[in-house]
Amino acid sequence: MGGNNQLASYVTTILSSIFGVVLMVRVFSHWGRSEWGKLFTCFIGASLAAYCIFKPAAAVQLLTGLGTLIASVFQ
């Protein structure tokens, strides 16, 4: 993830793990209270975050295309 920079790799790994634990706690919390809409949006957010972390170049292309599509709607 961090390329040749070992410190960046460790920091990215630690932050990703913390983010994953927070999302997991939120998912179980929403599931326990039967908040299905919040549970679903939490899953979507986690999927998007994981995609951005593990495939950053593809995520930039996806978000650029999505931004272009949204901008073309308002012209």
C-alpha atoms as a PDB file:
ATOM      1  CA  MET A   1       0.000   0.000   0.000  1.00  0.00           C
ATOM      2  CA  GLY A   2       2.684   2.473   0.951  1.00  0.00           C
ATOM      3  CA  GLY A   3       5.136   1.475  -1.778  1.00  0.00           C
ATOM      4  CA  ASN A   4       8.756   1.716  -0.655  1.00  0.00           C
ATOM      5  CA  ASN A   5       7.947   3.847   2.395  1.00  0.00           C
ATOM      6  CA  GLN A   6       7.668   1.452   5.349  1.00  0.00           C
ATOM      7  CA  LEU A   7       6.286   4.080   7.737  1.00  0.00           C
ATOM      8  CA  ALA A   8       3.476   5.015   5.342  1.00  0.00           C
ATOM      9  CA  SER A   9       2.667   1.334   4.929  1.00  0.00           C
ATOM     10  CA  TYR A  10       2.437   0.809   8.703  1.00  0.00           C
ATOM     11  CA  VAL A  11       0.345   3.940   9.224  1.00  0.00           C
ATOM     12  CA  THR A  12      -2.032   2.956   6.422  1.00  0.00           C
ATOM     13  CA  THR A  13      -2.385  -0.546   7.849  1.00  0.00           C
ATOM     14  CA  ILE A  14      -3.071   0.710  11.379  1.00  0.00           C
ATOM     15  CA  LEU A  15      -5.568   3.362  10.270  1.00  0.00           C
ATOM     16  CA  SER A  16      -7.345   0.895   7.987  1.00  0.00           C
ATOM     17  CA  SER A  17      -7.650  -1.570  10.855  1.00  0.00           C
ATOM     18  CA  ILE A  18      -9.036   1.069  13.224  1.00  0.00           C
ATOM     19  CA  PHE A  19     -11.487   2.234  10.562  1.00  0.00           C
ATOM     20  CA  GLY A  20     -12.583  -1.360   9.982  1.00  0.00           C
ATOM     21  CA  VAL A  21     -13.180  -1.958  13.699  1.00  0.00           C
ATOM     22  CA  VAL A  22     -15.239   1.249  13.997  1.00  0.00           C
ATOM     23  CA  LEU A  23     -17.349   0.246  10.994  1.00  0.00           C
ATOM     24  CA  MET A  24     -17.840  -3.249  12.390  1.00  0.00           C
ATOM     25  CA  VAL A  25     -19.081  -1.843  15.714  1.00  0.00           C
ATOM     26  CA  ARG A  26     -21.460   0.489  13.874  1.00  0.00           C
ATOM     27  CA  VAL A  27     -22.809  -2.353  11.718  1.00  0.00           C
ATOM     28  CA  PHE A  28     -23.548  -4.536  14.743  1.00  0.00           C
ATOM     29  CA  SER A  29     -25.108  -1.576  16.521  1.00  0.00           C
ATOM     30  CA  HIS A  30     -27.430  -0.833  13.591  1.00  0.00           C
ATOM     31  CA  TRP A  31     -28.260  -4.511  13.183  1.00  0.00           C
ATOM     32  CA  GLY A  32     -29.090  -4.868  16.873  1.00  0.00           C
ATOM     33  CA  ARG A  33     -31.484  -1.911  16.760  1.00  0.00           C
ATOM     34  CA  SER A  34     -33.023  -3.036  13.434  1.00  0.00           C
ATOM     35  CA  GLU A  35     -31.942   0.156  11.655  1.00  0.00           C
ATOM     36  CA  TRP A  36     -31.788  -1.421   8.221  1.00  0.00           C
ATOM     37  CA  GLY A  37     -31.341   1.777   6.217  1.00  0.00           C
ATOM     38  CA  LYS A  38     -28.355   2.855   8.318  1.00  0.00           C
ATOM     39  CA  LEU A  39     -26.940  -0.663   8.153  1.00  0.00           C
ATOM     40  CA  PHE A  40     -27.155  -0.687   4.352  1.00  0.00           C
ATOM     41  CA  THR A  41     -25.550   2.761   3.980  1.00  0.00           C
ATOM     42  CA  CYS A  42     -22.788   1.719   6.381  1.00  0.00           C
ATOM     43  CA  PHE A  43     -22.047  -1.296   4.158  1.00  0.00           C
ATOM     44  CA  ILE A  44     -21.978   0.927   1.058  1.00  0.00           C
ATOM     45  CA  GLY A  45     -19.627   3.397   2.766  1.00  0.00           C
ATOM     46  CA  ALA A  46     -17.342   0.598   3.935  1.00  0.00           C
ATOM     47  CA  SER A  47     -17.226  -0.871   0.432  1.00  0.00           C
ATOM     48  CA  LEU A  48     -16.338   2.490  -1.087  1.00  0.00           C
ATOM     49  CA  ALA A  49     -13.665   3.132   1.555  1.00  0.00           C
ATOM     50  CA  ALA A  50     -12.122  -0.316   1.023  1.00  0.00           C
ATOM     51  CA  TYR A  51     -12.118   0.240  -2.736  1.00  0.00           C
ATOM     52  CA  CYS A  52     -10.342   3.599  -2.300  1.00  0.00           C
ATOM     53  CA  ILE A  53      -7.766   2.084   0.074  1.00  0.00           C
ATOM     54  CA  PHE A  54      -6.909  -1.011  -1.949  1.00  0.00           C
ATOM     55  CA  LYS A  55      -7.272   0.367  -5.506  1.00  0.00           C
ATOM     56  CA  PRO A  56      -6.541   4.103  -5.331  1.00  0.00           C
ATOM     57  CA  ALA A  57      -5.844   4.615  -9.045  1.00  0.00           C
ATOM     58  CA  ALA A  58      -9.074   2.919 -10.088  1.00  0.00           C
ATOM     59  CA  ALA A  59     -10.973   4.845  -7.397  1.00  0.00           C
ATOM     60  CA  VAL A  60      -9.699   8.151  -8.783  1.00  0.00           C
ATOM     61  CA  GLN A  61     -10.879   7.169 -12.272  1.00  0.00           C
ATOM     62  CA  LEU A  62     -14.270   6.079 -10.932  1.00  0.00           C
ATOM     63  CA  LEU A  63     -14.813   9.258  -8.917  1.00  0.00           C
ATOM     64  CA  THR A  64     -13.614  11.458 -11.805  1.00  0.00           C
ATOM     65  CA  GLY A  65     -16.075   9.788 -14.169  1.00  0.00           C
ATOM     66  CA  LEU A  66     -18.857  10.111 -11.623  1.00  0.00           C
ATOM     67  CA  GLY A  67     -18.044  13.799 -11.099  1.00  0.00           C
ATOM     68  CA  THR A  68     -18.069  14.407 -14.864  1.00  0.00           C
ATOM     69  CA  LEU A  69     -21.424  12.648 -15.156  1.00  0.00           C
ATOM     70  CA  ILE A  70     -22.937  14.729 -12.349  1.00  0.00           C
ATOM     71  CA  ALA A  71     -21.523  17.961 -13.796  1.00  0.00           C
ATOM     72  CA  SER A  72     -22.985  17.161 -17.236  1.00  0.00           C
ATOM     73  CA  VAL A  73     -26.459  16.771 -15.729  1.00  0.00           C
ATOM     74  CA  PHE A  74     -26.407  20.349 -14.385  1.00  0.00           C
ATOM     75  CA  GLN A  75     -25.227  22.016 -17.623  1.00  0.00           C
END
